């Protein structure tokens, strides 16, 4: 093990953290957290810390976690960390990338800037970058490191459903679908959103033959699942043999997965970037490949 580096994590990240620490050959230590009755936190970091610290913290349900990071990062530096890297498999607040109404905060820009003030690098997977191409556009050059699990998901799909047609439900999913299809040698197609006013949006499925074919809907994330549900229902109505779903980030809220199955979706698969019962593909090899150059 490298004595000059450590992987830090919170208890909720224990499963992923243990797998990643083993892959990197690093000691794994945990940040202890206590919540006071008024909602404030006390954090206790291991001490002393080596010069290189990798801090694993997924930012799904992010608000309290952002506060924790703003406390933990400077504390880590006080305890000896000279190089501090955040591993946030899911990076929150990336969807709000422009001002749609006057005075609306562009959270992508501000959260990215905030994290880059506390960490030398931020490593994430499939951040939802729609109107920008790289994290360098909202972070100092080289600070943001964005990987993609599209290839991992594409190869998983090819093993589970040989010859499947990969389909992105809308234009925003296009970049992931193309990469996944290329990695897995699968055909792909991409749908589009049709706006009927300021608040009403419907999906236009691509004009490709689906009758009797196995379809897999692929996207970077799913929360309510409404877009995927609409696409699945449309594909099954056009004669698709089966419809499965594969996403990088399983943010599924409430009954989203049950609703997907009720709409006719057969399987729901995800990476373990966000802990969920649908996790089927490990992101650890992807993370470790990049992180080895830091440790």
C-alpha atoms as a PDB file:
ATOM      1  CA  UNK A   1       0.000   0.000   0.000  1.00  0.00           C
ATOM      2  CA  UNK A   2       1.068   3.554  -0.706  1.00  0.00           C
ATOM      3  CA  UNK A   3       1.852   5.177   2.690  1.00  0.00           C
ATOM      4  CA  UNK A   4       1.615   8.656   1.183  1.00  0.00           C
ATOM      5  CA  UNK A   5      -2.030   8.394   0.115  1.00  0.00           C
ATOM      6  CA  UNK A   6      -5.354   7.378   1.663  1.00  0.00           C
ATOM      7  CA  UNK A   7      -8.951   6.923   0.568  1.00  0.00           C
ATOM      8  CA  UNK A   8     -11.389   8.717   2.879  1.00  0.00           C
ATOM      9  CA  UNK A   9     -15.097   7.984   2.847  1.00  0.00           C
ATOM     10  CA  UNK A  10     -18.290   8.335   4.826  1.00  0.00           C
ATOM     11  CA  UNK A  11     -19.976   5.207   6.171  1.00  0.00           C
ATOM     12  CA  UNK A  12     -22.727   5.350   3.530  1.00  0.00           C
ATOM     13  CA  UNK A  13     -20.046   4.867   0.861  1.00  0.00           C
ATOM     14  CA  UNK A  14     -18.493   1.818   2.581  1.00  0.00           C
ATOM     15  CA  UNK A  15     -19.238  -0.821  -0.071  1.00  0.00           C
ATOM     16  CA  UNK A  16     -17.967   1.202  -3.020  1.00  0.00           C
ATOM     17  CA  UNK A  17     -15.102   2.613  -0.948  1.00  0.00           C
ATOM     18  CA  UNK A  18     -13.843  -0.827   0.060  1.00  0.00           C
ATOM     19  CA  UNK A  19     -13.869  -2.060  -3.536  1.00  0.00           C
ATOM     20  CA  UNK A  20     -12.074   1.063  -4.745  1.00  0.00           C
ATOM     21  CA  UNK A  21      -9.451   0.992  -1.972  1.00  0.00           C
ATOM     22  CA  UNK A  22      -8.616  -2.610  -2.826  1.00  0.00           C
ATOM     23  CA  UNK A  23      -8.328  -1.803  -6.524  1.00  0.00           C
ATOM     24  CA  UNK A  24      -5.940   1.077  -5.774  1.00  0.00           C
ATOM     25  CA  UNK A  25      -4.006  -0.649  -3.006  1.00  0.00           C
ATOM     26  CA  UNK A  26      -4.766   2.183  -0.597  1.00  0.00           C
ATOM     27  CA  UNK A  27      -5.693   2.215   3.075  1.00  0.00           C
ATOM     28  CA  UNK A  28      -9.345   3.080   3.639  1.00  0.00           C
ATOM     29  CA  UNK A  29     -10.373   5.317   6.513  1.00  0.00           C
ATOM     30  CA  UNK A  30     -13.729   6.790   7.420  1.00  0.00           C
ATOM     31  CA  UNK A  31     -14.948  10.207   8.490  1.00  0.00           C
ATOM     32  CA  UNK A  32     -17.094   9.943  11.605  1.00  0.00           C
ATOM     33  CA  UNK A  33     -20.199  12.099  11.641  1.00  0.00           C
ATOM     34  CA  UNK A  34     -22.490  13.165  14.467  1.00  0.00           C
ATOM     35  CA  UNK A  35     -25.691  15.117  13.952  1.00  0.00           C
ATOM     36  CA  UNK A  36     -26.656  17.519  16.725  1.00  0.00           C
ATOM     37  CA  UNK A  37     -30.334  18.057  17.626  1.00  0.00           C
ATOM     38  CA  UNK A  38     -30.340  21.364  15.749  1.00  0.00           C
ATOM     39  CA  UNK A  39     -29.211  19.652  12.527  1.00  0.00           C
ATOM     40  CA  UNK A  40     -25.560  20.732  12.575  1.00  0.00           C
ATOM     41  CA  UNK A  41     -22.799  18.167  12.056  1.00  0.00           C
ATOM     42  CA  UNK A  42     -19.626  17.315  13.895  1.00  0.00           C
ATOM     43  CA  UNK A  43     -17.095  15.607  11.661  1.00  0.00           C
ATOM     44  CA  UNK A  44     -14.053  13.709  12.921  1.00  0.00           C
ATOM     45  CA  UNK A  45     -11.317  12.879  10.415  1.00  0.00           C
ATOM     46  CA  UNK A  46      -8.491  10.405  11.008  1.00  0.00           C
ATOM     47  CA  UNK A  47      -5.233  12.071  11.953  1.00  0.00           C
ATOM     48  CA  UNK A  48      -2.591  12.583  10.796  1.00  0.00           C
ATOM     49  CA  UNK A  49      -3.352  12.404   7.076  1.00  0.00           C
ATOM     50  CA  UNK A  50      -0.820  11.666   4.324  1.00  0.00           C
ATOM     51  CA  UNK A  51       0.022  14.190   1.632  1.00  0.00           C
ATOM     52  CA  UNK A  52      -2.467  12.779  -0.905  1.00  0.00           C
ATOM     53  CA  UNK A  53      -6.092  12.309   0.134  1.00  0.00           C
ATOM     54  CA  UNK A  54      -8.851  10.927  -2.080  1.00  0.00           C
ATOM     55  CA  UNK A  55     -12.281  11.699  -0.636  1.00  0.00           C
ATOM     56  CA  UNK A  56     -15.190   9.609  -1.908  1.00  0.00           C
ATOM     57  CA  UNK A  57     -18.601  11.254  -1.623  1.00  0.00           C
ATOM     58  CA  UNK A  58     -21.451  10.738  -4.089  1.00  0.00           C
ATOM     59  CA  UNK A  59     -23.613  13.844  -4.339  1.00  0.00           C
ATOM     60  CA  UNK A  60     -27.051  12.346  -4.807  1.00  0.00           C
ATOM     61  CA  UNK A  61     -29.391  14.106  -2.345  1.00  0.00           C
ATOM     62  CA  UNK A  62     -26.625  16.684  -2.130  1.00  0.00           C
ATOM     63  CA  UNK A  63     -27.492  19.554   0.150  1.00  0.00           C
ATOM     64  CA  UNK A  64     -26.216  18.213   3.477  1.00  0.00           C
ATOM     65  CA  UNK A  65     -23.314  16.498   1.726  1.00  0.00           C
ATOM     66  CA  UNK A  66     -22.105  19.781   0.240  1.00  0.00           C
ATOM     67  CA  UNK A  67     -21.986  21.257   3.734  1.00  0.00           C
ATOM     68  CA  UNK A  68     -19.999  18.230   4.931  1.00  0.00           C
ATOM     69  CA  UNK A  69     -17.496  18.677   2.105  1.00  0.00           C
ATOM     70  CA  UNK A  70     -17.010  22.352   2.929  1.00  0.00           C
ATOM     71  CA  UNK A  71     -16.078  21.300   6.461  1.00  0.00           C
ATOM     72  CA  UNK A  72     -14.124  18.139   5.650  1.00  0.00           C
ATOM     73  CA  UNK A  73     -11.904  19.551   2.882  1.00  0.00           C
ATOM     74  CA  UNK A  74     -10.160  22.338   4.853  1.00  0.00           C
ATOM     75  CA  UNK A  75      -9.920  20.029   7.865  1.00  0.00           C
ATOM     76  CA  UNK A  76      -8.105  17.461   5.728  1.00  0.00           C
ATOM     77  CA  UNK A  77      -5.606  20.134   4.702  1.00  0.00           C
ATOM     78  CA  UNK A  78      -5.131  21.134   8.344  1.00  0.00           C
ATOM     79  CA  UNK A  79      -4.326  17.492   9.116  1.00  0.00           C
ATOM     80  CA  UNK A  80      -1.626  17.142   6.461  1.00  0.00           C
ATOM     81  CA  UNK A  81      -3.262  16.752   3.055  1.00  0.00           C
ATOM     82  CA  UNK A  82      -1.354  18.672   0.393  1.00  0.00           C
ATOM     83  CA  UNK A  83      -3.225  17.226  -2.589  1.00  0.00           C
ATOM     84  CA  UNK A  84      -6.962  16.710  -2.181  1.00  0.00           C
ATOM     85  CA  UNK A  85      -9.156  15.000  -4.752  1.00  0.00           C
ATOM     86  CA  UNK A  86     -12.933  14.571  -4.572  1.00  0.00           C
ATOM     87  CA  UNK A  87     -14.424  11.444  -6.112  1.00  0.00           C
ATOM     88  CA  UNK A  88     -18.094  12.247  -6.699  1.00  0.00           C
ATOM     89  CA  UNK A  89     -19.462   9.497  -8.958  1.00  0.00           C
ATOM     90  CA  UNK A  90     -22.685  11.476  -9.239  1.00  0.00           C
ATOM     91  CA  UNK A  91     -22.141  15.234  -9.402  1.00  0.00           C
ATOM     92  CA  UNK A  92     -25.214  17.190  -8.356  1.00  0.00           C
ATOM     93  CA  UNK A  93     -26.641  20.427  -9.755  1.00  0.00           C
ATOM     94  CA  UNK A  94     -25.243  19.932 -13.254  1.00  0.00           C
ATOM     95  CA  UNK A  95     -28.655  19.996 -14.990  1.00  0.00           C
ATOM     96  CA  UNK A  96     -29.325  23.698 -14.377  1.00  0.00           C
ATOM     97  CA  UNK A  97     -26.931  25.019 -17.039  1.00  0.00           C
ATOM     98  CA  UNK A  98     -28.592  28.254 -18.157  1.00  0.00           C
ATOM     99  CA  UNK A  99     -30.886  31.019 -16.960  1.00  0.00           C
ATOM    100  CA  UNK A 100     -34.339  30.069 -18.229  1.00  0.00           C
ATOM    101  CA  UNK A 101     -36.115  32.917 -16.422  1.00  0.00           C
ATOM    102  CA  UNK A 102     -34.656  36.266 -15.260  1.00  0.00           C
ATOM    103  CA  UNK A 103     -32.768  35.931 -11.992  1.00  0.00           C
ATOM    104  CA  UNK A 104     -32.616  32.138 -12.074  1.00  0.00           C
ATOM    105  CA  UNK A 105     -29.375  30.773 -10.570  1.00  0.00           C
ATOM    106  CA  UNK A 106     -27.221  28.714 -12.934  1.00  0.00           C
ATOM    107  CA  UNK A 107     -26.389  26.089 -10.321  1.00  0.00           C
ATOM    108  CA  UNK A 108     -24.048  24.109 -12.585  1.00  0.00           C
ATOM    109  CA  UNK A 109     -21.632  27.009 -12.754  1.00  0.00           C
ATOM    110  CA  UNK A 110     -21.779  27.889  -9.059  1.00  0.00           C
ATOM    111  CA  UNK A 111     -21.522  24.377  -7.586  1.00  0.00           C
ATOM    112  CA  UNK A 112     -18.650  23.518  -9.931  1.00  0.00           C
ATOM    113  CA  UNK A 113     -16.820  26.673  -8.906  1.00  0.00           C
ATOM    114  CA  UNK A 114     -17.480  26.017  -5.209  1.00  0.00           C
ATOM    115  CA  UNK A 115     -16.045  22.491  -5.333  1.00  0.00           C
ATOM    116  CA  UNK A 116     -12.974  23.624  -7.248  1.00  0.00           C
ATOM    117  CA  UNK A 117     -12.217  26.072  -4.440  1.00  0.00           C
ATOM    118  CA  UNK A 118     -11.992  23.209  -1.926  1.00  0.00           C
ATOM    119  CA  UNK A 119     -10.474  20.432  -4.029  1.00  0.00           C
ATOM    120  CA  UNK A 120      -7.529  20.275  -6.417  1.00  0.00           C
ATOM    121  CA  UNK A 121      -9.477  17.893  -8.649  1.00  0.00           C
ATOM    122  CA  UNK A 122     -13.059  16.648  -8.868  1.00  0.00           C
ATOM    123  CA  UNK A 123     -13.512  13.241 -10.503  1.00  0.00           C
ATOM    124  CA  UNK A 124     -17.016  12.317 -11.619  1.00  0.00           C
ATOM    125  CA  UNK A 125     -18.859  10.037 -14.011  1.00  0.00           C
ATOM    126  CA  UNK A 126     -21.292  11.141 -16.704  1.00  0.00           C
ATOM    127  CA  UNK A 127     -22.039  14.630 -15.404  1.00  0.00           C
ATOM    128  CA  UNK A 128     -25.121  16.018 -17.111  1.00  0.00           C
ATOM    129  CA  UNK A 129     -23.384  18.450 -19.446  1.00  0.00           C
ATOM    130  CA  UNK A 130     -25.883  19.466 -22.097  1.00  0.00           C
ATOM    131  CA  UNK A 131     -24.976  22.964 -23.269  1.00  0.00           C
ATOM    132  CA  UNK A 132     -21.279  22.715 -22.425  1.00  0.00           C
ATOM    133  CA  UNK A 133     -18.811  20.076 -23.570  1.00  0.00           C
ATOM    134  CA  UNK A 134     -16.299  19.893 -20.715  1.00  0.00           C
ATOM    135  CA  UNK A 135     -16.049  20.663 -17.008  1.00  0.00           C
ATOM    136  CA  UNK A 136     -13.189  23.005 -17.941  1.00  0.00           C
ATOM    137  CA  UNK A 137     -15.889  25.468 -18.987  1.00  0.00           C
ATOM    138  CA  UNK A 138     -17.131  25.789 -15.387  1.00  0.00           C
ATOM    139  CA  UNK A 139     -13.974  24.836 -13.432  1.00  0.00           C
ATOM    140  CA  UNK A 140     -10.317  25.844 -13.622  1.00  0.00           C
ATOM    141  CA  UNK A 141      -8.583  24.042 -16.480  1.00  0.00           C
ATOM    142  CA  UNK A 142      -7.802  20.458 -15.525  1.00  0.00           C
ATOM    143  CA  UNK A 143      -9.623  20.537 -12.187  1.00  0.00           C
ATOM    144  CA  UNK A 144     -12.681  18.656 -13.385  1.00  0.00           C
ATOM    145  CA  UNK A 145     -12.195  15.054 -14.533  1.00  0.00           C
ATOM    146  CA  UNK A 146     -15.258  13.571 -16.212  1.00  0.00           C
ATOM    147  CA  UNK A 147     -15.387   9.881 -17.108  1.00  0.00           C
ATOM    148  CA  UNK A 148     -18.194   7.985 -18.820  1.00  0.00           C
ATOM    149  CA  UNK A 149     -19.794   4.665 -17.914  1.00  0.00           C
ATOM    150  CA  UNK A 150     -21.503   4.470 -21.310  1.00  0.00           C
ATOM    151  CA  UNK A 151     -19.053   1.885 -22.605  1.00  0.00           C
ATOM    152  CA  UNK A 152     -19.464  -0.257 -19.488  1.00  0.00           C
ATOM    153  CA  UNK A 153     -23.244  -0.164 -19.841  1.00  0.00           C
ATOM    154  CA  UNK A 154     -23.091  -0.834 -23.567  1.00  0.00           C
ATOM    155  CA  UNK A 155     -20.972  -3.939 -23.081  1.00  0.00           C
ATOM    156  CA  UNK A 156     -23.274  -5.137 -20.274  1.00  0.00           C
ATOM    157  CA  UNK A 157     -26.285  -4.734 -22.552  1.00  0.00           C
ATOM    158  CA  UNK A 158     -24.542  -6.636 -25.361  1.00  0.00           C
ATOM    159  CA  UNK A 159     -23.947  -9.556 -22.976  1.00  0.00           C
ATOM    160  CA  UNK A 160     -27.490  -9.580 -21.614  1.00  0.00           C
ATOM    161  CA  UNK A 161     -29.400  -8.820 -24.835  1.00  0.00           C
ATOM    162  CA  UNK A 162     -27.237  -9.723 -27.847  1.00  0.00           C
ATOM    163  CA  UNK A 163     -28.204  -7.733 -30.914  1.00  0.00           C
ATOM    164  CA  UNK A 164     -30.279  -5.219 -28.967  1.00  0.00           C
ATOM    165  CA  UNK A 165     -31.088  -1.828 -30.438  1.00  0.00           C
ATOM    166  CA  UNK A 166     -29.867   0.916 -28.088  1.00  0.00           C
ATOM    167  CA  UNK A 167     -32.176   3.887 -27.990  1.00  0.00           C
ATOM    168  CA  UNK A 168     -31.796   7.301 -26.379  1.00  0.00           C
ATOM    169  CA  UNK A 169     -35.202   8.704 -25.431  1.00  0.00           C
ATOM    170  CA  UNK A 170     -34.248  12.287 -26.303  1.00  0.00           C
ATOM    171  CA  UNK A 171     -31.445  14.446 -27.719  1.00  0.00           C
ATOM    172  CA  UNK A 172     -29.798  14.905 -24.319  1.00  0.00           C
ATOM    173  CA  UNK A 173     -29.135  11.159 -24.106  1.00  0.00           C
ATOM    174  CA  UNK A 174     -27.507  11.062 -27.529  1.00  0.00           C
ATOM    175  CA  UNK A 175     -23.876  11.387 -26.433  1.00  0.00           C
ATOM    176  CA  UNK A 176     -24.131   8.392 -24.073  1.00  0.00           C
ATOM    177  CA  UNK A 177     -26.057   6.207 -26.508  1.00  0.00           C
ATOM    178  CA  UNK A 178     -23.570   6.746 -29.319  1.00  0.00           C
ATOM    179  CA  UNK A 179     -20.612   5.927 -27.066  1.00  0.00           C
ATOM    180  CA  UNK A 180     -22.298   2.836 -25.620  1.00  0.00           C
ATOM    181  CA  UNK A 181     -23.270   1.538 -29.054  1.00  0.00           C
ATOM    182  CA  UNK A 182     -19.763   2.021 -30.408  1.00  0.00           C
ATOM    183  CA  UNK A 183     -18.190   0.216 -27.445  1.00  0.00           C
ATOM    184  CA  UNK A 184     -20.571  -2.720 -27.714  1.00  0.00           C
ATOM    185  CA  UNK A 185     -20.991  -2.987 -31.484  1.00  0.00           C
ATOM    186  CA  UNK A 186     -24.735  -2.383 -31.279  1.00  0.00           C
ATOM    187  CA  UNK A 187     -27.111  -0.406 -33.477  1.00  0.00           C
ATOM    188  CA  UNK A 188     -28.542   2.755 -31.962  1.00  0.00           C
ATOM    189  CA  UNK A 189     -31.116   5.468 -32.534  1.00  0.00           C
ATOM    190  CA  UNK A 190     -32.077   8.663 -30.719  1.00  0.00           C
ATOM    191  CA  UNK A 191     -35.491  10.190 -30.119  1.00  0.00           C
ATOM    192  CA  UNK A 192     -36.380  13.845 -29.654  1.00  0.00           C
ATOM    193  CA  UNK A 193     -38.527  16.104 -27.517  1.00  0.00           C
ATOM    194  CA  UNK A 194     -41.410  17.975 -29.112  1.00  0.00           C
ATOM    195  CA  UNK A 195     -42.514  21.104 -27.285  1.00  0.00           C
ATOM    196  CA  UNK A 196     -46.204  22.079 -27.408  1.00  0.00           C
ATOM    197  CA  UNK A 197     -45.797  25.276 -25.422  1.00  0.00           C
ATOM    198  CA  UNK A 198     -43.882  26.395 -22.361  1.00  0.00           C
ATOM    199  CA  UNK A 199     -44.863  23.473 -20.139  1.00  0.00           C
ATOM    200  CA  UNK A 200     -45.963  20.601 -22.382  1.00  0.00           C
ATOM    201  CA  UNK A 201     -43.373  18.267 -23.884  1.00  0.00           C
ATOM    202  CA  UNK A 202     -43.877  14.960 -25.661  1.00  0.00           C
ATOM    203  CA  UNK A 203     -41.426  12.430 -27.055  1.00  0.00           C
ATOM    204  CA  UNK A 204     -40.947  11.722 -30.750  1.00  0.00           C
ATOM    205  CA  UNK A 205     -39.470   8.255 -31.188  1.00  0.00           C
ATOM    206  CA  UNK A 206     -36.984   7.762 -34.020  1.00  0.00           C
ATOM    207  CA  UNK A 207     -38.299   6.434 -37.314  1.00  0.00           C
ATOM    208  CA  UNK A 208     -36.573   3.049 -37.165  1.00  0.00           C
ATOM    209  CA  UNK A 209     -38.153  -0.416 -37.387  1.00  0.00           C
ATOM    210  CA  UNK A 210     -38.720  -1.828 -33.892  1.00  0.00           C
ATOM    211  CA  UNK A 211     -41.316  -4.508 -34.552  1.00  0.00           C
ATOM    212  CA  UNK A 212     -40.087  -7.760 -33.029  1.00  0.00           C
ATOM    213  CA  UNK A 213     -36.805  -6.245 -31.825  1.00  0.00           C
ATOM    214  CA  UNK A 214     -35.258  -6.127 -28.352  1.00  0.00           C
ATOM    215  CA  UNK A 215     -34.859  -2.483 -27.328  1.00  0.00           C
ATOM    216  CA  UNK A 216     -32.746  -1.048 -24.511  1.00  0.00           C
ATOM    217  CA  UNK A 217     -33.309   2.551 -23.448  1.00  0.00           C
ATOM    218  CA  UNK A 218     -30.076   4.142 -22.250  1.00  0.00           C
ATOM    219  CA  UNK A 219     -29.484   7.446 -20.462  1.00  0.00           C
ATOM    220  CA  UNK A 220     -27.098   9.077 -18.027  1.00  0.00           C
ATOM    221  CA  UNK A 221     -29.621   9.288 -15.191  1.00  0.00           C
ATOM    222  CA  UNK A 222     -33.176   8.578 -14.222  1.00  0.00           C
ATOM    223  CA  UNK A 223     -35.110  10.154 -11.363  1.00  0.00           C
ATOM    224  CA  UNK A 224     -38.877  10.095 -11.884  1.00  0.00           C
ATOM    225  CA  UNK A 225     -38.502   7.853 -14.934  1.00  0.00           C
ATOM    226  CA  UNK A 226     -41.268   9.682 -16.822  1.00  0.00           C
ATOM    227  CA  UNK A 227     -39.211  10.115 -20.008  1.00  0.00           C
ATOM    228  CA  UNK A 228     -38.246   6.447 -20.018  1.00  0.00           C
ATOM    229  CA  UNK A 229     -41.814   5.355 -19.280  1.00  0.00           C
ATOM    230  CA  UNK A 230     -43.160   7.364 -22.200  1.00  0.00           C
ATOM    231  CA  UNK A 231     -40.524   5.953 -24.530  1.00  0.00           C
ATOM    232  CA  UNK A 232     -41.132   2.366 -23.391  1.00  0.00           C
ATOM    233  CA  UNK A 233     -44.877   2.626 -23.877  1.00  0.00           C
ATOM    234  CA  UNK A 234     -44.400   4.067 -27.358  1.00  0.00           C
ATOM    235  CA  UNK A 235     -41.944   1.348 -28.376  1.00  0.00           C
ATOM    236  CA  UNK A 236     -44.130  -1.485 -27.109  1.00  0.00           C
ATOM    237  CA  UNK A 237     -47.126   0.012 -28.911  1.00  0.00           C
ATOM    238  CA  UNK A 238     -45.074  -0.128 -32.115  1.00  0.00           C
ATOM    239  CA  UNK A 239     -44.370  -3.810 -31.633  1.00  0.00           C
ATOM    240  CA  UNK A 240     -41.051  -3.955 -29.779  1.00  0.00           C
ATOM    241  CA  UNK A 241     -40.403  -7.466 -28.502  1.00  0.00           C
ATOM    242  CA  UNK A 242     -38.888  -6.317 -25.192  1.00  0.00           C
ATOM    243  CA  UNK A 243     -37.839  -3.017 -23.627  1.00  0.00           C
ATOM    244  CA  UNK A 244     -35.120  -2.797 -20.974  1.00  0.00           C
ATOM    245  CA  UNK A 245     -33.536   0.260 -19.329  1.00  0.00           C
ATOM    246  CA  UNK A 246     -29.864   0.986 -18.541  1.00  0.00           C
ATOM    247  CA  UNK A 247     -28.710   4.172 -16.795  1.00  0.00           C
ATOM    248  CA  UNK A 248     -25.486   5.386 -15.226  1.00  0.00           C
ATOM    249  CA  UNK A 249     -27.066   7.089 -12.207  1.00  0.00           C
ATOM    250  CA  UNK A 250     -30.060   5.371 -10.580  1.00  0.00           C
ATOM    251  CA  UNK A 251     -31.583   8.348  -8.783  1.00  0.00           C
ATOM    252  CA  UNK A 252     -35.010   6.701  -8.957  1.00  0.00           C
ATOM    253  CA  UNK A 253     -37.480   8.552  -6.746  1.00  0.00           C
ATOM    254  CA  UNK A 254     -40.417   6.911  -5.008  1.00  0.00           C
ATOM    255  CA  UNK A 255     -42.160   4.326  -7.170  1.00  0.00           C
ATOM    256  CA  UNK A 256     -40.178   5.120 -10.322  1.00  0.00           C
ATOM    257  CA  UNK A 257     -38.883   1.574 -10.843  1.00  0.00           C
ATOM    258  CA  UNK A 258     -42.291   0.028 -10.140  1.00  0.00           C
ATOM    259  CA  UNK A 259     -43.806   2.471 -12.627  1.00  0.00           C
ATOM    260  CA  UNK A 260     -41.247   1.458 -15.250  1.00  0.00           C
ATOM    261  CA  UNK A 261     -42.134  -2.205 -14.822  1.00  0.00           C
ATOM    262  CA  UNK A 262     -45.848  -1.349 -14.905  1.00  0.00           C
ATOM    263  CA  UNK A 263     -45.223   0.385 -18.246  1.00  0.00           C
ATOM    264  CA  UNK A 264     -43.815  -2.857 -19.646  1.00  0.00           C
ATOM    265  CA  UNK A 265     -40.077  -2.442 -18.992  1.00  0.00           C
ATOM    266  CA  UNK A 266     -38.539  -5.868 -18.386  1.00  0.00           C
ATOM    267  CA  UNK A 267     -35.159  -5.158 -16.726  1.00  0.00           C
ATOM    268  CA  UNK A 268     -33.719  -2.007 -15.141  1.00  0.00           C
ATOM    269  CA  UNK A 269     -29.915  -1.904 -14.904  1.00  0.00           C
ATOM    270  CA  UNK A 270     -27.585   0.761 -13.528  1.00  0.00           C
ATOM    271  CA  UNK A 271     -23.994   1.336 -12.538  1.00  0.00           C
ATOM    272  CA  UNK A 272     -23.134   1.467  -8.845  1.00  0.00           C
ATOM    273  CA  UNK A 273     -22.355   5.190  -9.022  1.00  0.00           C
ATOM    274  CA  UNK A 274     -25.478   5.569  -6.855  1.00  0.00           C
ATOM    275  CA  UNK A 275     -26.342   2.656  -4.542  1.00  0.00           C
ATOM    276  CA  UNK A 276     -29.575   1.052  -5.753  1.00  0.00           C
ATOM    277  CA  UNK A 277     -31.136  -2.398  -6.123  1.00  0.00           C
ATOM    278  CA  UNK A 278     -30.716  -2.088  -9.904  1.00  0.00           C
ATOM    279  CA  UNK A 279     -26.894  -1.858  -9.712  1.00  0.00           C
ATOM    280  CA  UNK A 280     -25.398  -4.293 -12.222  1.00  0.00           C
ATOM    281  CA  UNK A 281     -22.170  -2.677 -13.455  1.00  0.00           C
ATOM    282  CA  UNK A 282     -19.213  -1.611 -11.281  1.00  0.00           C
ATOM    283  CA  UNK A 283     -17.567   1.754 -11.935  1.00  0.00           C
ATOM    284  CA  UNK A 284     -14.500   0.821  -9.862  1.00  0.00           C
ATOM    285  CA  UNK A 285     -12.285  -0.255 -12.799  1.00  0.00           C
ATOM    286  CA  UNK A 286     -13.162   2.998 -14.560  1.00  0.00           C
ATOM    287  CA  UNK A 287     -12.324   5.122 -11.512  1.00  0.00           C
ATOM    288  CA  UNK A 288      -9.175   3.201 -10.638  1.00  0.00           C
ATOM    289  CA  UNK A 289      -7.710   3.597 -14.119  1.00  0.00           C
ATOM    290  CA  UNK A 290      -7.711   7.391 -13.737  1.00  0.00           C
ATOM    291  CA  UNK A 291      -6.906   7.533 -10.020  1.00  0.00           C
ATOM    292  CA  UNK A 292      -3.728   5.459 -10.290  1.00  0.00           C
ATOM    293  CA  UNK A 293      -1.913   8.430 -11.744  1.00  0.00           C
ATOM    294  CA  UNK A 294      -2.545  10.384  -8.548  1.00  0.00           C
ATOM    295  CA  UNK A 295      -1.375   7.690  -6.134  1.00  0.00           C
END
